[in-house]
Amino acid sequence: MPAIKSLEELKRVREEALAKKQLKATPGHIQVIVAMGTCGIAAGARDTMKSVLNFIETEHLSGVTVTQTGCMGMCEQEPIMQVVIGDQPKVVYGKVNAEVASQIMKQHVQNGSPVKDYVLPL
């Protein structure tokens, strides 16, 4: 992360962080949950979360709630992400890196079609 060299730059970074925090707190009928336990973070869950939030921001999606949870007990499948749309059954994805997270957001969250290659059988 580059150093902040001016008050204006600090204000800009603060506003960006607040906007991302607001995206996480906005209630909606679509819920995206990223497992952020120690094993998930070690496997790259932070990049997965960043990718989800960036996608929502760039695509101006509304009605999507993004939350995090702890370890889901399937450490070998981390990073794990769940998508719940309305009253449909939840879909759990494994091995979700930043690129796969973007693909899931586009194909499943935006268009309603799960990305079958990464769905975990439960």
Foldseek 3Di string as FASTA:
>chain_A
DDDDDDPVSVVVVVVVVVVLVVQQVAAAQKEKEWADAPLQVVLASVQLSVLLSVLCVVVVDHRYHYYYHHDPPPSVFHRKMWIDGHPDDIWIFGPQGSVNSNVQCVCCVVPNDGPVVGTDDD
